[in-house]
Protein backbone atom coordinates (compact mmCIF):
# COMPACT_ATOMS: atom_id res chain seq x y z
CA MET A 1 3.14 -29.67 10.20
CA LYS A 2 1.47 -26.69 8.50
CA ASP A 3 -2.49 -26.33 8.38
CA VAL A 4 -2.09 -24.71 5.26
CA ILE A 5 0.31 -24.41 2.22
CA ILE A 6 -0.29 -21.88 -0.41
CA ILE A 7 1.47 -22.17 -3.91
CA GLY A 8 1.50 -18.94 -5.58
CA ALA A 9 2.33 -15.35 -3.86
CA GLY A 10 0.24 -13.13 -6.56
CA ILE A 11 -2.97 -11.70 -5.70
CA SER A 12 -4.82 -14.54 -4.44
CA GLY A 13 -2.25 -15.87 -2.56
CA CYS A 14 -1.20 -12.90 -0.56
CA THR A 15 -4.69 -11.86 0.10
CA ILE A 16 -5.49 -15.45 1.56
CA ALA A 17 -2.52 -15.38 3.26
CA HIS A 18 -2.93 -12.10 5.16
CA LEU A 19 -6.51 -13.30 6.08
CA LEU A 20 -5.20 -16.38 7.50
CA ALA A 21 -2.49 -14.52 9.70
CA LYS A 22 -5.33 -13.36 11.53
CA ARG A 23 -5.92 -16.39 12.45
CA LYS A 24 -4.52 -19.01 14.70
CA CYS A 25 -2.72 -21.71 12.52
CA GLU A 26 0.11 -22.32 10.80
CA VAL A 27 0.56 -21.25 6.89
CA LEU A 28 3.37 -21.61 4.49
CA VAL A 29 3.58 -19.54 1.18
CA LEU A 30 5.63 -20.92 -1.73
CA GLU A 31 6.82 -19.09 -4.62
CA LYS A 32 9.10 -20.35 -7.25
CA ARG A 33 10.32 -16.74 -8.17
CA ALA A 34 11.96 -13.94 -6.35
CA ASP A 35 9.16 -11.87 -5.43
CA ALA A 36 5.52 -11.42 -4.83
CA ALA A 37 3.13 -10.16 -7.60
CA LEU A 38 5.84 -11.34 -10.52
CA GLY A 39 3.20 -13.25 -12.44
CA ALA A 40 0.00 -11.77 -14.12
CA SER A 41 -0.78 -9.79 -10.46
CA GLY A 42 2.11 -7.21 -11.27
CA ALA A 43 1.53 -7.02 -15.18
CA ASN A 44 -2.13 -6.11 -15.68
CA SER A 45 -4.61 -3.15 -16.02
CA ALA A 46 -4.70 -2.33 -12.22
CA ILE A 47 -8.44 -1.78 -12.59
CA ILE A 48 -11.18 -2.17 -10.02
CA HIS A 49 -13.82 -3.36 -11.86
CA SER A 50 -17.77 -2.37 -11.17
CA GLY A 51 -18.86 -5.56 -12.13
CA HIS A 52 -21.07 -4.66 -15.00
CA ASP A 53 -19.35 -7.15 -17.41
CA PRO A 54 -19.12 -10.37 -16.49
CA LYS A 55 -21.61 -13.26 -17.38
CA GLU A 56 -24.47 -13.65 -15.05
CA GLY A 57 -23.98 -16.17 -12.91
CA THR A 58 -20.90 -16.61 -12.94
CA LEU A 59 -18.03 -16.65 -10.30
CA LYS A 60 -16.49 -13.59 -12.09
CA ALA A 61 -19.75 -11.77 -11.34
CA LYS A 62 -20.38 -12.85 -8.10
CA PHE A 63 -16.63 -11.94 -6.86
CA ASN A 64 -16.27 -8.67 -8.88
CA LEU A 65 -19.26 -7.35 -7.18
CA LEU A 66 -18.18 -8.24 -3.75
CA GLY A 67 -14.52 -7.40 -4.00
CA ASN A 68 -15.55 -3.97 -5.66
CA ARG A 69 -17.33 -3.07 -2.81
CA MET A 70 -14.47 -4.32 -0.29
CA TYR A 71 -11.71 -2.92 -1.64
CA GLU A 72 -11.12 0.88 -0.63
CA ASP A 73 -11.47 -0.67 3.39
CA TYR A 74 -8.89 -2.99 2.31
CA CYS A 75 -6.52 -0.61 0.69
CA GLN A 76 -7.03 1.49 3.87
CA GLU A 77 -6.77 -1.23 6.22
CA LEU A 78 -3.21 -2.17 4.07
CA GLN A 79 -2.17 1.53 3.67
CA VAL A 80 -1.94 1.48 0.13
CA ASP A 81 -3.59 4.33 -2.51
CA PHE A 82 -6.81 3.16 -4.08
CA LYS A 83 -8.64 5.60 -6.04
CA ARG A 84 -12.26 5.62 -7.65
CA ILE A 85 -11.95 7.70 -10.70
CA GLY A 86 -14.24 6.09 -13.12
CA ALA A 87 -15.17 4.44 -15.89
CA PHE A 88 -16.62 4.95 -19.34
CA VAL A 89 -17.43 1.63 -21.84
CA VAL A 90 -18.11 3.82 -25.18
CA ALA A 91 -19.53 2.67 -28.29
CA SER A 92 -20.38 3.80 -31.69
CA GLY A 93 -22.50 2.67 -34.41
CA GLU A 94 -25.98 0.54 -34.08
CA GLU A 95 -24.57 -2.54 -32.85
CA GLU A 96 -22.44 -1.58 -30.02
CA GLU A 97 -24.92 1.06 -28.87
CA LYS A 98 -27.36 -2.11 -28.73
CA THR A 99 -24.61 -3.88 -26.55
CA LEU A 100 -24.21 -0.87 -24.43
CA TRP A 101 -28.11 -1.18 -23.71
CA GLY A 102 -27.43 -4.60 -22.59
CA LEU A 103 -24.65 -3.68 -20.46
CA PHE A 104 -26.43 -0.88 -18.59
CA GLU A 105 -29.38 -3.32 -18.16
CA GLN A 106 -27.15 -5.59 -16.37
CA ALA A 107 -25.39 -2.90 -14.18
CA ARG A 108 -29.00 -1.71 -13.07
CA LYS A 109 -30.11 -4.90 -12.18
CA ARG A 110 -26.76 -5.67 -9.80
CA ALA A 111 -27.25 -2.24 -8.57
CA ILE A 112 -24.28 -1.11 -9.91
CA GLU A 113 -24.25 2.92 -9.70
CA CYS A 114 -24.11 3.77 -13.78
CA ALA A 115 -25.77 6.30 -16.38
CA LEU A 116 -25.84 6.10 -20.42
CA LEU A 117 -25.03 9.42 -21.46
CA SER A 118 -24.49 10.59 -25.25
CA GLY A 119 -21.34 10.94 -27.27
CA ASP A 120 -21.28 14.61 -26.73
CA GLU A 121 -21.78 14.45 -23.05
CA VAL A 122 -18.75 11.80 -22.89
CA ARG A 123 -16.64 14.01 -24.75
CA LYS A 124 -17.53 17.03 -22.56
CA ARG A 125 -15.98 14.94 -19.38
CA GLU A 126 -13.30 13.09 -21.89
CA PRO A 127 -12.25 15.98 -24.68
CA ASN A 128 -9.78 12.95 -26.12
CA VAL A 129 -12.68 10.20 -26.58
CA ALA A 130 -12.77 9.77 -30.38
CA ASP A 131 -15.27 12.13 -32.61
CA GLU A 132 -17.22 8.69 -34.06
CA ILE A 133 -18.36 7.83 -30.14
CA THR A 134 -21.91 7.90 -30.31
CA MET A 135 -22.74 6.32 -26.49
CA GLY A 136 -21.01 6.22 -23.26
CA LEU A 137 -21.97 4.05 -20.23
CA TYR A 138 -20.70 5.81 -17.31
CA LEU A 139 -19.52 3.22 -13.90
CA PRO A 140 -18.07 5.91 -11.38
CA THR A 141 -17.58 3.01 -9.13
CA THR A 142 -14.66 1.90 -11.05
CA GLY A 143 -11.15 2.37 -9.39
CA ILE A 144 -7.67 1.84 -9.50
CA ILE A 145 -4.74 0.44 -7.71
CA THR A 146 -1.28 -0.78 -7.80
CA PRO A 147 -1.46 -4.05 -7.78
CA TRP A 148 2.03 -5.22 -6.59
CA GLU A 149 1.90 -2.62 -3.78
CA VAL A 150 -1.37 -4.36 -2.57
CA CYS A 151 0.53 -7.82 -2.82
CA TYR A 152 3.54 -6.35 -0.76
CA ALA A 153 1.61 -5.37 1.87
CA ALA A 154 -0.65 -7.89 2.11
CA LEU A 155 2.02 -10.64 2.35
CA GLU A 156 4.68 -8.11 4.66
CA GLU A 157 1.83 -7.95 7.06
CA ALA A 158 0.85 -12.06 6.78
CA LYS A 159 5.13 -12.35 7.41
CA MET A 160 4.80 -10.02 10.37
CA ASN A 161 2.07 -11.98 11.85
CA ASP A 162 3.91 -15.54 11.79
CA VAL A 163 3.21 -16.55 8.10
CA ASP A 164 6.29 -18.03 6.44
CA VAL A 165 7.53 -17.24 3.28
CA HIS A 166 9.61 -18.98 0.82
CA PHE A 167 10.58 -17.06 -2.54
CA ASN A 168 12.61 -18.91 -5.21
CA GLU A 169 11.37 -22.49 -4.25
CA GLU A 170 9.64 -24.14 -6.85
CA VAL A 171 7.01 -26.87 -5.93
CA MET A 172 8.30 -30.23 -7.67
CA ALA A 173 5.41 -33.12 -6.32
CA ILE A 174 2.65 -33.36 -4.31
CA LYS A 175 1.17 -36.46 -2.25
CA LYS A 176 -1.87 -37.18 -0.54
CA GLU A 177 -1.59 -39.35 2.43
CA ASP A 178 -4.48 -39.77 5.07
CA ASP A 179 -5.57 -36.56 6.60
CA HIS A 180 -2.66 -34.54 5.30
CA PHE A 181 -0.17 -33.85 2.36
CA VAL A 182 3.28 -34.06 1.82
CA VAL A 183 4.75 -31.09 -0.77
CA LYS A 184 8.00 -31.49 -2.18
CA THR A 185 10.02 -28.47 -3.72
CA ASP A 186 13.24 -28.15 -4.87
CA CYS A 187 14.48 -27.00 -1.84
CA GLY A 188 13.16 -29.22 1.05
CA GLU A 189 9.75 -30.92 1.94
CA TYR A 190 6.57 -29.95 3.88
CA LEU A 191 3.37 -31.22 5.82
CA SER A 192 0.32 -29.64 5.58
CA ARG A 193 -3.68 -30.22 6.04
CA TYR A 194 -4.80 -28.20 3.12
CA VAL A 195 -2.85 -27.29 0.09
CA ILE A 196 -4.44 -23.91 -1.50
CA ASP A 197 -3.35 -23.40 -4.96
CA CYS A 198 -3.23 -20.05 -6.08
CA ALA A 199 -0.15 -20.72 -9.10
CA GLY A 200 -1.75 -18.57 -11.86
CA VAL A 201 -0.77 -19.68 -15.26
CA ARG A 202 0.33 -23.01 -13.94
CA ALA A 203 -2.36 -23.71 -11.45
CA ASP A 204 -3.64 -27.13 -13.45
CA GLU A 205 0.16 -28.18 -13.23
CA ILE A 206 -0.18 -27.95 -9.57
CA ALA A 207 -3.33 -29.65 -9.47
CA GLY A 208 -2.19 -32.13 -11.91
CA MET A 209 0.41 -33.56 -9.37
CA LEU A 210 -2.77 -35.23 -7.53
CA GLY A 211 -3.86 -36.85 -10.65
CA ILE A 212 -6.35 -33.71 -11.20
CA ASP A 213 -7.11 -32.99 -14.79
CA THR A 214 -10.65 -31.46 -14.27
CA TYR A 215 -9.54 -28.23 -16.37
CA SER A 216 -6.73 -26.96 -18.30
CA ILE A 217 -5.52 -23.15 -18.41
CA ARG A 218 -3.99 -21.33 -21.45
CA ALA A 219 -1.92 -18.38 -21.13
CA ARG A 220 -3.26 -15.02 -22.78
CA LYS A 221 -0.63 -12.92 -23.43
CA GLY A 222 -1.70 -8.76 -22.62
CA GLU A 223 0.64 -6.18 -23.52
CA TYR A 224 0.61 -2.43 -22.99
CA TYR A 225 2.60 0.61 -23.49
CA VAL A 226 3.07 2.90 -20.56
CA LEU A 227 2.99 6.83 -20.62
CA ASP A 228 5.34 9.20 -18.80
CA HIS A 229 3.18 11.28 -16.46
CA LYS A 230 3.18 14.83 -18.10
CA GLY A 231 -0.70 15.11 -17.07
CA TYR A 232 -3.55 12.57 -17.54
CA PHE A 233 -4.48 11.93 -21.37
CA THR A 234 -7.57 10.86 -19.52
CA ASN A 235 -9.08 11.15 -15.89
CA ALA A 236 -11.39 8.34 -15.91
CA ILE A 237 -10.68 4.53 -17.79
CA ILE A 238 -12.19 4.13 -21.18
CA TYR A 239 -13.22 0.87 -22.09
CA PRO A 240 -14.42 -0.46 -25.75
CA VAL A 241 -17.52 -2.10 -25.85
CA PRO A 242 -16.23 -5.74 -24.54
CA SER A 243 -15.66 -9.10 -27.28
CA ASN A 244 -15.54 -12.68 -26.57
CA LYS A 245 -11.79 -11.96 -26.48
CA GLY A 246 -12.36 -9.76 -23.48
CA LYS A 247 -12.56 -5.78 -22.41
CA GLY A 248 -10.72 -5.07 -25.35
CA VAL A 249 -8.02 -1.98 -25.77
CA LEU A 250 -8.08 0.48 -22.95
CA ALA A 251 -7.06 4.18 -21.76
CA VAL A 252 -6.09 3.51 -18.11
CA PRO A 253 -5.03 6.19 -15.71
CA THR A 254 -2.48 4.86 -12.99
CA ILE A 255 -2.20 5.60 -9.51
CA HIS A 256 1.39 7.60 -10.35
CA GLY A 257 -0.06 9.50 -12.85
CA ASN A 258 0.94 7.25 -15.72
CA THR A 259 -1.18 6.12 -18.51
CA LEU A 260 -1.62 2.36 -19.58
CA LEU A 261 -2.28 1.85 -23.05
CA GLY A 262 -3.26 -1.90 -23.89
CA PRO A 263 -3.59 -4.56 -23.82
CA THR A 264 -3.64 -7.04 -26.39
CA ALA A 265 -5.12 -10.63 -25.62
CA GLU A 266 -3.78 -13.44 -27.73
CA PHE A 267 -2.93 -17.04 -26.72
CA VAL A 268 0.60 -18.18 -26.36
CA ASP A 269 1.66 -21.75 -25.87
CA ASP A 270 4.84 -21.00 -23.49
CA LYS A 271 3.90 -20.20 -20.42
CA ASP A 272 6.94 -18.32 -19.52
CA ASP A 273 6.56 -16.02 -22.90
CA ASP A 274 6.33 -12.79 -20.99
CA GLU A 275 8.06 -10.90 -23.64
CA THR A 276 6.39 -7.63 -25.76
CA THR A 277 6.07 -8.75 -29.90
CA ASP A 278 5.08 -6.79 -33.17
CA ASP A 279 1.23 -7.39 -31.70
CA LEU A 280 2.06 -4.87 -29.42
CA TYR A 281 1.25 -2.59 -32.42
CA SER A 282 -1.99 -3.10 -32.88
CA VAL A 283 -3.05 -1.49 -29.39
CA LYS A 284 -2.60 1.91 -31.97
CA GLU A 285 -5.53 0.73 -34.27
CA LYS A 286 -7.50 -0.50 -31.59
CA LEU A 287 -7.46 2.31 -29.53
CA ALA A 288 -7.94 5.14 -32.26
CA ARG A 289 -11.82 3.68 -32.57
CA THR A 290 -12.23 5.21 -29.08
CA MET A 291 -9.58 7.67 -28.62
CA LYS A 292 -7.81 10.68 -30.61
CA ASN A 293 -4.81 12.78 -29.90
CA ILE A 294 -2.89 9.66 -28.19
CA PRO A 295 0.67 10.71 -26.98
CA TYR A 296 2.60 8.06 -27.97
CA GLN A 297 5.79 10.38 -28.20
CA ASN A 298 4.82 9.96 -24.32
CA VAL A 299 5.41 6.50 -24.54
CA ILE A 300 8.52 5.60 -21.49
CA ARG A 301 8.03 1.56 -21.69
CA ASN A 302 6.13 -1.43 -22.47
CA PHE A 303 5.61 -4.34 -20.69
CA ALA A 304 3.95 -8.21 -21.25
CA GLY A 305 1.70 -10.25 -18.75
CA LEU A 306 0.01 -13.71 -18.83
CA ARG A 307 -3.53 -14.35 -17.89
CA PRO A 308 -4.29 -17.58 -16.98
CA THR A 309 -7.34 -18.48 -19.24
CA GLY A 310 -9.03 -21.99 -18.19
CA SER A 311 -11.06 -24.32 -20.24
CA ASN A 312 -14.00 -23.51 -18.25
CA HIS A 313 -14.07 -19.76 -18.85
CA ASP A 314 -14.92 -18.94 -15.20
CA PHE A 315 -12.59 -18.81 -12.03
CA ILE A 316 -12.48 -22.17 -10.44
CA ILE A 317 -13.01 -21.53 -6.19
CA LYS A 318 -13.56 -25.27 -4.53
CA GLU A 319 -12.16 -27.85 -2.80
CA ASP A 320 -11.63 -30.78 -4.85
CA GLU A 321 -14.42 -33.61 -5.11
CA LYS A 322 -11.81 -36.20 -4.95
CA VAL A 323 -9.08 -34.69 -3.30
CA LYS A 324 -10.24 -33.52 0.12
CA GLY A 325 -8.18 -30.43 1.43
CA PHE A 326 -7.04 -29.66 -1.77
CA ILE A 327 -8.48 -26.10 -2.48
CA HIS A 328 -8.46 -24.53 -6.12
CA VAL A 329 -8.39 -21.14 -6.38
CA SER A 330 -7.13 -21.25 -10.27
CA CYS A 331 -8.24 -19.51 -13.58
CA ILE A 332 -8.10 -16.10 -11.81
CA GLU A 333 -8.38 -13.61 -15.00
CA SER A 334 -9.94 -10.75 -15.24
CA PRO A 335 -11.86 -9.53 -12.74
CA GLY A 336 -9.32 -11.64 -10.59
CA LEU A 337 -7.87 -8.44 -9.24
CA THR A 338 -10.81 -6.98 -8.65
CA ALA A 339 -12.32 -10.22 -6.92
CA ALA A 340 -9.05 -11.03 -4.68
CA PRO A 341 -10.32 -10.01 -1.26
CA ALA A 342 -13.55 -11.60 -1.81
CA ILE A 343 -12.15 -14.96 -2.66
CA ALA A 344 -9.91 -14.58 0.37
CA LYS A 345 -12.58 -14.49 2.34
CA TYR A 346 -14.87 -17.68 1.07
CA VAL A 347 -11.52 -19.22 1.16
CA VAL A 348 -10.99 -18.94 4.87
CA GLU A 349 -14.72 -18.94 5.96
CA GLU A 350 -16.13 -21.29 3.63
CA LEU A 351 -13.91 -23.67 2.31
CA LEU A 352 -11.59 -24.07 5.38
CA HIS A 353 -14.82 -23.96 7.17
CA ASP A 354 -14.04 -20.38 9.26
CA GLN A 355 -12.27 -23.10 11.54
CA TYR A 356 -9.40 -21.22 12.92
CA GLU A 357 -10.26 -18.56 16.05
CA LEU A 358 -9.01 -15.13 15.31
CA LYS A 359 -5.80 -14.20 17.20
CA THR A 360 -6.11 -11.76 20.05
CA GLU A 361 -3.09 -9.71 18.46
CA PHE A 362 -2.26 -8.62 14.82
CA LYS A 363 0.75 -6.56 13.83
CA ARG A 364 0.27 -3.83 11.30
CA ARG A 365 2.99 -2.97 8.83
CA ARG A 366 4.33 0.81 9.62
CA LYS A 367 3.66 3.00 6.46
CA PRO A 368 5.93 3.32 3.85
CA LEU A 369 8.25 6.61 3.96
CA ILE A 370 7.22 8.46 0.82
CA MET A 371 8.79 11.90 0.91
CA ALA A 372 6.77 13.01 -2.12
CA LYS A 373 3.96 12.55 0.26
CA LEU A 374 5.25 14.80 3.38
CA THR A 375 4.89 18.32 4.25
CA ASP A 376 7.93 20.38 3.57
CA GLU A 377 8.04 20.55 7.33
CA GLU A 378 7.81 16.55 8.05
CA LYS A 379 10.62 16.21 4.97
CA ASN A 380 12.80 18.53 6.77
CA HIS A 381 12.42 16.97 10.43
CA LEU A 382 13.13 13.77 8.74
CA ILE A 383 16.26 14.32 6.89
CA LYS A 384 17.39 16.12 9.86
CA GLU A 385 17.01 12.61 11.90
CA ASN A 386 18.53 10.64 8.51
CA PRO A 387 20.66 12.47 5.62
CA ASP A 388 19.55 9.98 3.60
CA PHE A 389 16.45 10.95 2.97
CA GLY A 390 17.95 14.40 1.45
CA TYR A 391 20.06 12.53 -0.73
CA VAL A 392 18.09 11.88 -4.36
CA VAL A 393 19.07 8.72 -5.87
CA CYS A 394 16.21 8.79 -8.56
CA ARG A 395 15.75 12.10 -10.13
CA CYS A 396 12.99 11.23 -12.52
CA GLU A 397 10.90 10.40 -9.54
CA LYS A 398 12.68 11.83 -6.92
CA ILE A 399 13.70 9.24 -5.03
CA SER A 400 16.00 9.24 -2.15
CA LEU A 401 18.57 7.09 -0.60
CA GLY A 402 16.54 6.81 2.42
CA GLU A 403 13.34 5.60 0.72
CA VAL A 404 15.47 2.83 -0.57
CA LYS A 405 17.37 1.73 2.04
CA ASP A 406 13.56 1.66 3.93
CA VAL A 407 12.41 -0.86 1.60
CA ILE A 408 15.15 -2.98 1.37
CA ASN A 409 15.15 -3.15 5.12
CA ARG A 410 10.92 -3.34 5.65
CA PRO A 411 9.71 -7.01 6.97
CA LEU A 412 9.23 -8.88 3.52
CA GLY A 413 12.03 -5.98 1.92
CA ALA A 414 13.00 -5.89 -1.62
CA ARG A 415 15.99 -8.41 -2.84
CA SER A 416 16.32 -7.30 -6.59
CA ILE A 417 16.14 -3.90 -8.94
CA ILE A 418 12.70 -4.74 -9.71
CA GLY A 419 11.78 -5.57 -6.03
CA VAL A 420 13.08 -1.67 -5.01
CA LYS A 421 11.63 -0.20 -8.20
CA ARG A 422 8.06 -1.37 -7.74
CA ARG A 423 7.95 -0.68 -3.58
CA CYS A 424 9.44 3.21 -3.77
CA ARG A 425 9.51 3.62 -7.83
CA PRO A 426 13.06 4.54 -8.83
CA GLY A 427 13.24 3.54 -12.48
CA MET A 428 9.53 3.84 -12.70
CA GLY A 429 10.37 7.84 -15.01
CA GLY A 430 11.35 8.94 -18.03
CA CYS A 431 14.71 7.21 -18.47
CA GLN A 432 13.91 3.84 -16.98
CA GLY A 433 16.45 3.54 -14.70
CA GLY A 434 19.18 4.90 -17.03
CA PHE A 435 20.44 7.00 -14.45
CA CYS A 436 19.80 5.34 -11.16
CA GLU A 437 19.62 1.84 -11.80
CA PRO A 438 23.48 1.51 -10.99
CA GLN A 439 23.16 3.10 -8.16
CA ILE A 440 20.14 0.74 -6.80
CA LEU A 441 22.27 -2.16 -7.53
CA GLU A 442 25.32 -0.97 -5.14
CA ILE A 443 22.84 0.02 -2.48
CA LEU A 444 21.30 -3.58 -2.56
CA ALA A 445 24.44 -5.15 -2.74
CA LYS A 446 25.43 -3.23 0.44
CA GLU A 447 22.82 -3.27 2.32
CA LEU A 448 22.18 -7.25 1.75
CA GLY A 449 25.84 -7.63 2.10
CA ILE A 450 26.40 -9.60 -1.12
CA PRO A 451 28.54 -8.97 -4.20
CA LYS A 452 27.57 -6.36 -6.71
CA GLU A 453 27.04 -9.79 -8.96
CA LYS A 454 25.01 -11.50 -7.06
CA VAL A 455 22.25 -9.16 -7.21
CA LEU A 456 18.89 -9.85 -9.00
CA ARG A 457 16.91 -8.08 -11.38
CA GLU A 458 13.80 -10.06 -11.71
CA GLY A 459 10.73 -8.69 -13.45
CA PRO A 460 7.88 -9.38 -15.69
CA GLY A 461 8.06 -9.04 -19.55
CA SER A 462 11.25 -7.76 -21.68
CA GLU A 463 11.47 -4.14 -22.96
CA ILE A 464 11.54 -3.50 -26.66
CA ALA A 465 14.68 -1.12 -27.02
CA LEU A 466 13.04 2.33 -26.35
CA MET A 467 14.82 4.16 -29.20
CA LYS A 468 13.37 1.33 -31.63
CA LEU A 469 9.83 1.67 -29.96
CA LYS A 470 10.12 5.76 -30.61
CA GLU A 471 10.95 5.37 -33.83
CA ASP A 472 8.42 2.70 -34.62
CA LEU A 473 5.99 4.75 -33.25
């Protein structure tokens, strides 16, 4: 009998598991895909929003503010990168300026640091902002992370502290019996006192297994271009004035020096449809309203992600009124990434009634071995101890064989090509794995002791052929 079963290993499931791992309780995480963060948590804008935008009185507004204030310490605890690079919401014309004034007043009421600047003042800081922009709202507390790195780190520490993590295991049925649940998967059957539904776009389907039909989820597809890291196109995040479809098409610097351009925002009926489409090209038209000198010649790939948009237009974070012990963490679209640490705290302390005592000891993960962050002296010492760190596998990102082996052999080690790519970046550069992917496949097969044909490649989205993409651009 488990105390808690968490369904889904996205940002919500991983952060809740991490917090529960610090307490004396038995926890199981069930994830139907081959790794953490292969859904919405691994295909988004990677922004820690300031909290200026969500509608007053919503859970989105509440947990956005709390999460933003927690993230810097949380990332320091997990030993992953976090940067407060700031953001500008930019406007042109009387109507957009009026909306911007409203956002400014809302930000001030929420005690969010902010300032209104003229278009010229914005361009002094961000020269590639379009000439038509007449006003900008500056939000310096906006930050960026690499979402899957947060998921991996949180779940790795959870696993190190006795949380069971099962990948490739899909929940097929849930039944409530007296004071516990019976959760049936395609691999087995488990009992637990609580079930926490963090299943992303399929959270409504998980709830439906218990006859809960109080909300529904539609998948909203967001598609992006990724620019190579050849100098930042923008130093801060650039938002347009938001619409009823969301925050609009953005220009977003990333932790590793790339720039994201997007997303689109279109509903799709198929909750597995995370392929890019011709809608991606609308990004060019929309981004031209806020930016100029856009270096589309530096596009190295594109991707799409599905966001779980609920029929209630807000997060659902509560114990079910009728099915006691079933906890909804559902409809977690933007700003869900920002809200995640605060949501986890609320779930553990309020919805689980803070009933599990803290452990006296908690194991911390070893900091990842990243050659690019070491001094020359540290690199030479590491290579002397292990020559694998002197053999470069990925030329674009300068990733060594030692780093690849390290991420495969960690407590929550990579089990796929995409898993290695996301954990230490081989294949993230200009050639997108053209040189290193065959080597990564061979390394995985050798380290895992399996035939090469058994090595997984799973990841979100599918790319348009790069040559065709660049021709169309």
